[in-house]
C-alpha atoms as a PDB file:
ATOM      1  CA  UNK A   1      25.103 -54.710 -39.122  1.00  0.00           C
ATOM      2  CA  UNK A   2      23.050 -53.753 -42.337  1.00  0.00           C
ATOM      3  CA  UNK A   3      22.595 -56.519 -44.821  1.00  0.00           C
ATOM      4  CA  UNK A   4      26.032 -56.505 -47.476  1.00  0.00           C
ATOM      5  CA  UNK A   5      23.562 -55.930 -49.904  1.00  0.00           C
ATOM      6  CA  UNK A   6      20.469 -57.116 -51.521  1.00  0.00           C
ATOM      7  CA  UNK A   7      21.385 -59.759 -52.770  1.00  0.00           C
ATOM      8  CA  UNK A   8      22.381 -60.771 -49.711  1.00  0.00           C
ATOM      9  CA  UNK A   9      19.453 -59.636 -47.962  1.00  0.00           C
ATOM     10  CA  UNK A  10      17.194 -61.628 -50.026  1.00  0.00           C
ATOM     11  CA  UNK A  11      19.964 -64.917 -49.821  1.00  0.00           C
ATOM     12  CA  UNK A  12      19.626 -64.279 -46.037  1.00  0.00           C
ATOM     13  CA  UNK A  13      15.900 -64.157 -46.514  1.00  0.00           C
ATOM     14  CA  UNK A  14      15.173 -66.969 -48.642  1.00  0.00           C
ATOM     15  CA  UNK A  15      17.408 -69.636 -45.638  1.00  0.00           C
ATOM     16  CA  UNK A  16      15.616 -68.434 -42.726  1.00  0.00           C
ATOM     17  CA  UNK A  17      12.318 -68.726 -45.063  1.00  0.00           C
ATOM     18  CA  UNK A  18      13.354 -72.408 -45.687  1.00  0.00           C
ATOM     19  CA  UNK A  19      14.611 -73.541 -42.172  1.00  0.00           C
ATOM     20  CA  UNK A  20      12.092 -72.268 -40.440  1.00  0.00           C
ATOM     21  CA  UNK A  21       9.555 -73.943 -43.151  1.00  0.00           C
ATOM     22  CA  UNK A  22      11.306 -77.165 -41.715  1.00  0.00           C
ATOM     23  CA  UNK A  23      10.785 -76.164 -38.224  1.00  0.00           C
ATOM     24  CA  UNK A  24      14.667 -76.098 -37.423  1.00  0.00           C
ATOM     25  CA  UNK A  25      16.604 -73.911 -34.784  1.00  0.00           C
ATOM     26  CA  UNK A  26      19.483 -71.833 -35.545  1.00  0.00           C
ATOM     27  CA  UNK A  27      21.453 -73.481 -33.930  1.00  0.00           C
ATOM     28  CA  UNK A  28      20.340 -77.234 -35.355  1.00  0.00           C
ATOM     29  CA  UNK A  29      21.202 -75.497 -38.946  1.00  0.00           C
ATOM     30  CA  UNK A  30      24.104 -74.685 -37.554  1.00  0.00           C
ATOM     31  CA  UNK A  31      25.198 -77.855 -36.926  1.00  0.00           C
ATOM     32  CA  UNK A  32      24.206 -79.103 -39.866  1.00  0.00           C
ATOM     33  CA  UNK A  33      26.351 -76.768 -41.571  1.00  0.00           C
ATOM     34  CA  UNK A  34      29.383 -76.288 -39.853  1.00  0.00           C
ATOM     35  CA  UNK A  35      28.422 -72.811 -38.153  1.00  0.00           C
ATOM     36  CA  UNK A  36      27.577 -71.454 -34.921  1.00  0.00           C
ATOM     37  CA  UNK A  37      24.339 -70.326 -34.131  1.00  0.00           C
ATOM     38  CA  UNK A  38      25.309 -66.823 -34.235  1.00  0.00           C
ATOM     39  CA  UNK A  39      26.958 -66.982 -38.045  1.00  0.00           C
ATOM     40  CA  UNK A  40      23.585 -68.750 -38.769  1.00  0.00           C
ATOM     41  CA  UNK A  41      21.749 -65.462 -37.717  1.00  0.00           C
ATOM     42  CA  UNK A  42      24.576 -63.346 -39.827  1.00  0.00           C
ATOM     43  CA  UNK A  43      23.708 -65.259 -42.652  1.00  0.00           C
ATOM     44  CA  UNK A  44      20.444 -64.662 -42.446  1.00  0.00           C
ATOM     45  CA  UNK A  45      20.646 -60.918 -42.264  1.00  0.00           C
ATOM     46  CA  UNK A  46      22.296 -61.394 -45.319  1.00  0.00           C
ATOM     47  CA  UNK A  47      25.495 -59.836 -43.534  1.00  0.00           C
ATOM     48  CA  UNK A  48      28.355 -62.673 -44.609  1.00  0.00           C
ATOM     49  CA  UNK A  49      29.300 -62.855 -47.733  1.00  0.00           C
ATOM     50  CA  UNK A  50      28.801 -66.643 -48.998  1.00  0.00           C
ATOM     51  CA  UNK A  51      31.334 -69.185 -50.295  1.00  0.00           C
ATOM     52  CA  UNK A  52      30.040 -71.837 -52.781  1.00  0.00           C
ATOM     53  CA  UNK A  53      31.222 -74.366 -50.150  1.00  0.00           C
ATOM     54  CA  UNK A  54      28.987 -72.782 -48.004  1.00  0.00           C
ATOM     55  CA  UNK A  55      26.102 -72.947 -50.617  1.00  0.00           C
ATOM     56  CA  UNK A  56      26.006 -76.749 -50.513  1.00  0.00           C
ATOM     57  CA  UNK A  57      26.590 -77.386 -47.401  1.00  0.00           C
ATOM     58  CA  UNK A  58      23.325 -75.331 -46.894  1.00  0.00           C
ATOM     59  CA  UNK A  59      21.612 -76.751 -49.869  1.00  0.00           C
ATOM     60  CA  UNK A  60      22.537 -80.410 -48.022  1.00  0.00           C
ATOM     61  CA  UNK A  61      21.203 -79.222 -44.594  1.00  0.00           C
ATOM     62  CA  UNK A  62      18.156 -78.200 -45.715  1.00  0.00           C
ATOM     63  CA  UNK A  63      17.641 -81.216 -48.211  1.00  0.00           C
ATOM     64  CA  UNK A  64      16.616 -79.291 -50.814  1.00  0.00           C
ATOM     65  CA  UNK A  65      17.899 -78.930 -54.282  1.00  0.00           C
ATOM     66  CA  UNK A  66      19.968 -75.491 -54.843  1.00  0.00           C
ATOM     67  CA  UNK A  67      17.784 -74.130 -57.237  1.00  0.00           C
ATOM     68  CA  UNK A  68      15.186 -74.541 -54.825  1.00  0.00           C
ATOM     69  CA  UNK A  69      17.580 -71.984 -52.523  1.00  0.00           C
ATOM     70  CA  UNK A  70      17.589 -69.936 -55.425  1.00  0.00           C
ATOM     71  CA  UNK A  71      14.023 -69.347 -56.550  1.00  0.00           C
ATOM     72  CA  UNK A  72      12.771 -68.386 -53.207  1.00  0.00           C
ATOM     73  CA  UNK A  73      16.004 -66.196 -53.622  1.00  0.00           C
ATOM     74  CA  UNK A  74      14.954 -64.587 -56.663  1.00  0.00           C
ATOM     75  CA  UNK A  75      11.674 -64.423 -55.735  1.00  0.00           C
ATOM     76  CA  UNK A  76      12.470 -62.228 -52.567  1.00  0.00           C
ATOM     77  CA  UNK A  77      14.449 -60.162 -55.358  1.00  0.00           C
ATOM     78  CA  UNK A  78      11.532 -59.449 -57.708  1.00  0.00           C
ATOM     79  CA  UNK A  79      13.154 -61.890 -60.692  1.00  0.00           C
ATOM     80  CA  UNK A  80      10.303 -64.613 -59.780  1.00  0.00           C
END
């Protein structure tokens, strides 16, 4: 399945980069966020529409302010 939009793809890319930097497997990250490993993959490919609640859980799981997540998203989208 293709990404829903360039925005979804950029957010998924940012999440994957930050997860990888923290050396978290998709399984461990999913456990922290409350998603199955397969759902994490779908999220990182930009296939899922993300709720604000999920964004908060992602920030908590990465131990980052949401601004840091969105700053990397902006870089990918060419806004940073």
